[in-house]
N, C-alpha and C. Protein backbone atom coordinates (compact mmCIF):
# COMPACT_ATOMS: atom_id res chain seq x y z
N MET A 1 111.42 9.01 -3.41
CA MET A 1 110.35 8.30 -2.75
C MET A 1 109.57 9.28 -1.89
N LYS A 2 108.27 9.16 -1.89
CA LYS A 2 107.38 10.02 -1.10
C LYS A 2 106.86 9.26 0.11
N GLN A 3 106.53 10.01 1.15
CA GLN A 3 105.96 9.42 2.35
C GLN A 3 104.65 10.14 2.64
N VAL A 4 103.63 9.37 3.01
CA VAL A 4 102.30 9.91 3.27
C VAL A 4 101.84 9.46 4.65
N THR A 5 101.26 10.38 5.40
CA THR A 5 100.67 10.06 6.70
C THR A 5 99.16 10.23 6.59
N ILE A 6 98.41 9.19 6.93
CA ILE A 6 96.95 9.26 6.86
C ILE A 6 96.34 8.68 8.13
N GLU A 7 95.11 9.06 8.39
CA GLU A 7 94.38 8.50 9.52
C GLU A 7 93.37 7.49 8.98
N ILE A 8 93.37 6.31 9.57
CA ILE A 8 92.50 5.22 9.14
C ILE A 8 91.57 4.87 10.30
N PRO A 9 90.26 4.78 10.04
CA PRO A 9 89.35 4.33 11.10
C PRO A 9 89.75 2.93 11.58
N ASP A 10 89.62 2.69 12.87
CA ASP A 10 90.04 1.41 13.46
C ASP A 10 89.47 0.21 12.71
N LYS A 11 88.19 0.27 12.35
CA LYS A 11 87.56 -0.88 11.71
C LYS A 11 88.08 -1.13 10.29
N LYS A 12 88.69 -0.12 9.66
CA LYS A 12 89.23 -0.26 8.31
C LYS A 12 90.73 -0.58 8.31
N TYR A 13 91.38 -0.51 9.47
CA TYR A 13 92.83 -0.66 9.55
C TYR A 13 93.33 -2.02 9.03
N PRO A 14 92.73 -3.15 9.43
CA PRO A 14 93.21 -4.44 8.90
C PRO A 14 93.12 -4.50 7.37
N PHE A 15 92.01 -4.03 6.80
CA PHE A 15 91.87 -4.02 5.35
C PHE A 15 92.94 -3.14 4.71
N PHE A 16 93.19 -1.97 5.30
CA PHE A 16 94.19 -1.07 4.76
C PHE A 16 95.58 -1.71 4.75
N LEU A 17 95.95 -2.38 5.84
CA LEU A 17 97.25 -3.05 5.89
C LEU A 17 97.35 -4.13 4.82
N GLU A 18 96.27 -4.87 4.63
CA GLU A 18 96.25 -5.91 3.59
C GLU A 18 96.44 -5.28 2.21
N LEU A 19 95.78 -4.16 1.98
CA LEU A 19 95.90 -3.45 0.71
C LEU A 19 97.34 -2.96 0.50
N VAL A 20 97.93 -2.38 1.52
CA VAL A 20 99.30 -1.89 1.43
C VAL A 20 100.25 -3.04 1.07
N GLU A 21 100.08 -4.16 1.74
CA GLU A 21 100.94 -5.32 1.47
C GLU A 21 100.73 -5.85 0.05
N SER A 22 99.47 -5.90 -0.38
CA SER A 22 99.19 -6.44 -1.72
C SER A 22 99.76 -5.56 -2.82
N LEU A 23 99.91 -4.27 -2.56
CA LEU A 23 100.48 -3.35 -3.54
C LEU A 23 102.00 -3.30 -3.48
N GLY A 24 102.57 -4.01 -2.52
CA GLY A 24 104.01 -4.04 -2.38
C GLY A 24 104.58 -2.75 -1.79
N LEU A 25 103.74 -2.03 -1.08
CA LEU A 25 104.18 -0.78 -0.47
C LEU A 25 104.82 -1.07 0.89
N LYS A 26 105.61 -0.15 1.35
CA LYS A 26 106.34 -0.33 2.60
C LYS A 26 105.63 0.41 3.72
N LYS A 27 105.35 -0.30 4.80
CA LYS A 27 104.76 0.31 5.99
C LYS A 27 105.91 0.82 6.86
N VAL A 28 105.93 2.13 7.10
CA VAL A 28 107.03 2.73 7.85
C VAL A 28 106.83 2.56 9.34
N GLY A 29 105.64 2.77 9.82
CA GLY A 29 105.38 2.61 11.25
C GLY A 29 104.12 3.35 11.65
N LYS A 30 103.71 3.12 12.87
CA LYS A 30 102.53 3.79 13.40
C LYS A 30 102.88 5.22 13.76
N ALA A 31 102.01 6.14 13.40
CA ALA A 31 102.24 7.55 13.69
C ALA A 31 101.15 8.06 14.64
N GLU A 32 100.75 7.23 15.58
CA GLU A 32 99.71 7.65 16.50
C GLU A 32 100.26 8.65 17.51
N LYS A 33 99.43 9.61 17.84
CA LYS A 33 99.83 10.64 18.79
C LYS A 33 99.38 10.23 20.19
N SER A 34 100.17 10.63 21.18
CA SER A 34 99.78 10.37 22.55
C SER A 34 98.61 11.29 22.91
N GLY A 35 97.98 11.05 24.03
CA GLY A 35 96.86 11.87 24.47
C GLY A 35 97.24 13.34 24.56
N LYS A 36 98.41 13.61 25.11
CA LYS A 36 98.86 14.99 25.25
C LYS A 36 99.09 15.62 23.88
N GLU A 37 99.71 14.87 22.97
CA GLU A 37 99.96 15.38 21.63
C GLU A 37 98.65 15.66 20.89
N GLN A 38 97.65 14.79 21.09
CA GLN A 38 96.35 15.00 20.45
C GLN A 38 95.70 16.27 20.97
N ILE A 39 95.78 16.50 22.27
CA ILE A 39 95.19 17.70 22.86
C ILE A 39 95.88 18.94 22.32
N LEU A 40 97.21 18.93 22.30
CA LEU A 40 97.97 20.08 21.81
C LEU A 40 97.67 20.33 20.33
N ALA A 41 97.54 19.27 19.55
CA ALA A 41 97.22 19.43 18.13
C ALA A 41 95.83 20.03 17.97
N GLY A 42 94.88 19.61 18.80
CA GLY A 42 93.53 20.16 18.75
C GLY A 42 93.49 21.62 19.12
N VAL A 43 94.25 21.99 20.14
CA VAL A 43 94.31 23.40 20.57
C VAL A 43 94.94 24.24 19.45
N LYS A 44 96.01 23.73 18.86
CA LYS A 44 96.68 24.46 17.77
C LYS A 44 95.72 24.66 16.60
N GLU A 45 94.98 23.62 16.26
CA GLU A 45 94.01 23.72 15.17
C GLU A 45 92.93 24.75 15.49
N ALA A 46 92.46 24.77 16.75
CA ALA A 46 91.44 25.73 17.16
C ALA A 46 91.96 27.16 17.07
N VAL A 47 93.20 27.38 17.49
CA VAL A 47 93.80 28.72 17.42
C VAL A 47 93.90 29.17 15.96
N GLU A 48 94.35 28.27 15.09
CA GLU A 48 94.46 28.62 13.67
C GLU A 48 93.08 28.95 13.08
N GLU A 49 92.07 28.18 13.48
CA GLU A 49 90.72 28.44 12.99
C GLU A 49 90.21 29.79 13.48
N MET A 50 90.50 30.14 14.72
CA MET A 50 90.09 31.44 15.26
C MET A 50 90.78 32.58 14.51
N LYS A 51 92.05 32.39 14.16
CA LYS A 51 92.77 33.42 13.40
C LYS A 51 92.10 33.64 12.04
N LEU A 52 91.71 32.53 11.39
CA LEU A 52 91.05 32.64 10.09
C LEU A 52 89.70 33.34 10.21
N ILE A 53 88.97 33.05 11.27
CA ILE A 53 87.67 33.69 11.49
C ILE A 53 87.85 35.18 11.72
N LYS A 54 88.82 35.55 12.57
CA LYS A 54 89.08 36.97 12.84
C LYS A 54 89.53 37.71 11.59
N ALA A 55 90.26 37.02 10.71
CA ALA A 55 90.74 37.65 9.48
C ALA A 55 89.65 37.68 8.40
N GLY A 56 88.50 37.08 8.69
CA GLY A 56 87.40 37.08 7.74
C GLY A 56 87.56 36.05 6.63
N LYS A 57 88.48 35.12 6.80
CA LYS A 57 88.72 34.10 5.78
C LYS A 57 87.89 32.84 6.02
N LYS A 58 87.26 32.78 7.16
CA LYS A 58 86.42 31.63 7.49
C LYS A 58 85.22 32.14 8.26
N LYS A 59 84.06 31.53 8.03
CA LYS A 59 82.84 31.94 8.70
C LYS A 59 82.69 31.20 10.03
N ALA A 60 82.33 31.93 11.06
CA ALA A 60 82.12 31.33 12.38
C ALA A 60 80.79 30.58 12.40
N ARG A 61 80.72 29.55 13.24
CA ARG A 61 79.46 28.81 13.41
C ARG A 61 78.74 29.35 14.63
N ASN A 62 77.46 29.20 14.61
CA ASN A 62 76.69 29.60 15.77
C ASN A 62 76.80 28.49 16.84
N ALA A 63 76.80 28.88 18.11
CA ALA A 63 77.04 27.95 19.22
C ALA A 63 76.02 26.82 19.26
N GLU A 64 74.77 27.13 18.92
CA GLU A 64 73.72 26.09 18.94
C GLU A 64 74.03 25.00 17.91
N ASP A 65 74.47 25.39 16.72
CA ASP A 65 74.83 24.40 15.71
C ASP A 65 75.99 23.53 16.17
N PHE A 66 76.99 24.17 16.80
CA PHE A 66 78.14 23.45 17.32
C PHE A 66 77.71 22.41 18.34
N LEU A 67 76.87 22.81 19.29
CA LEU A 67 76.42 21.90 20.35
C LEU A 67 75.56 20.78 19.77
N ASN A 68 74.81 21.05 18.73
CA ASN A 68 74.00 20.00 18.11
C ASN A 68 74.86 18.94 17.45
N GLU A 69 76.07 19.31 17.01
CA GLU A 69 76.98 18.34 16.41
C GLU A 69 77.50 17.35 17.45
N LEU A 70 77.61 17.80 18.68
CA LEU A 70 78.12 16.92 19.74
C LEU A 70 77.06 15.92 20.08
C-alpha cells in the first residue's frame, strides 16, 4: 500500500474528501504543519534553493521581479 501527502486549497477540501470517500480510499489524517514547522520548512527550502543557485543549477531571479510577485 502506498501513502501520498498532498496540499489541498481550503475551498477544494470538502470536494476532495467527498472524492476520497467515493473512491473507497482511506483518509489517514491531517498533515498540517504548525506555524513554526511551516517557517522552518520555508527556511529549509530557501537554503536549498540558494545552494542550487550557487551551484549554477538554478537561475536567480531579479529582486524587482520577486517584489512584484508579492
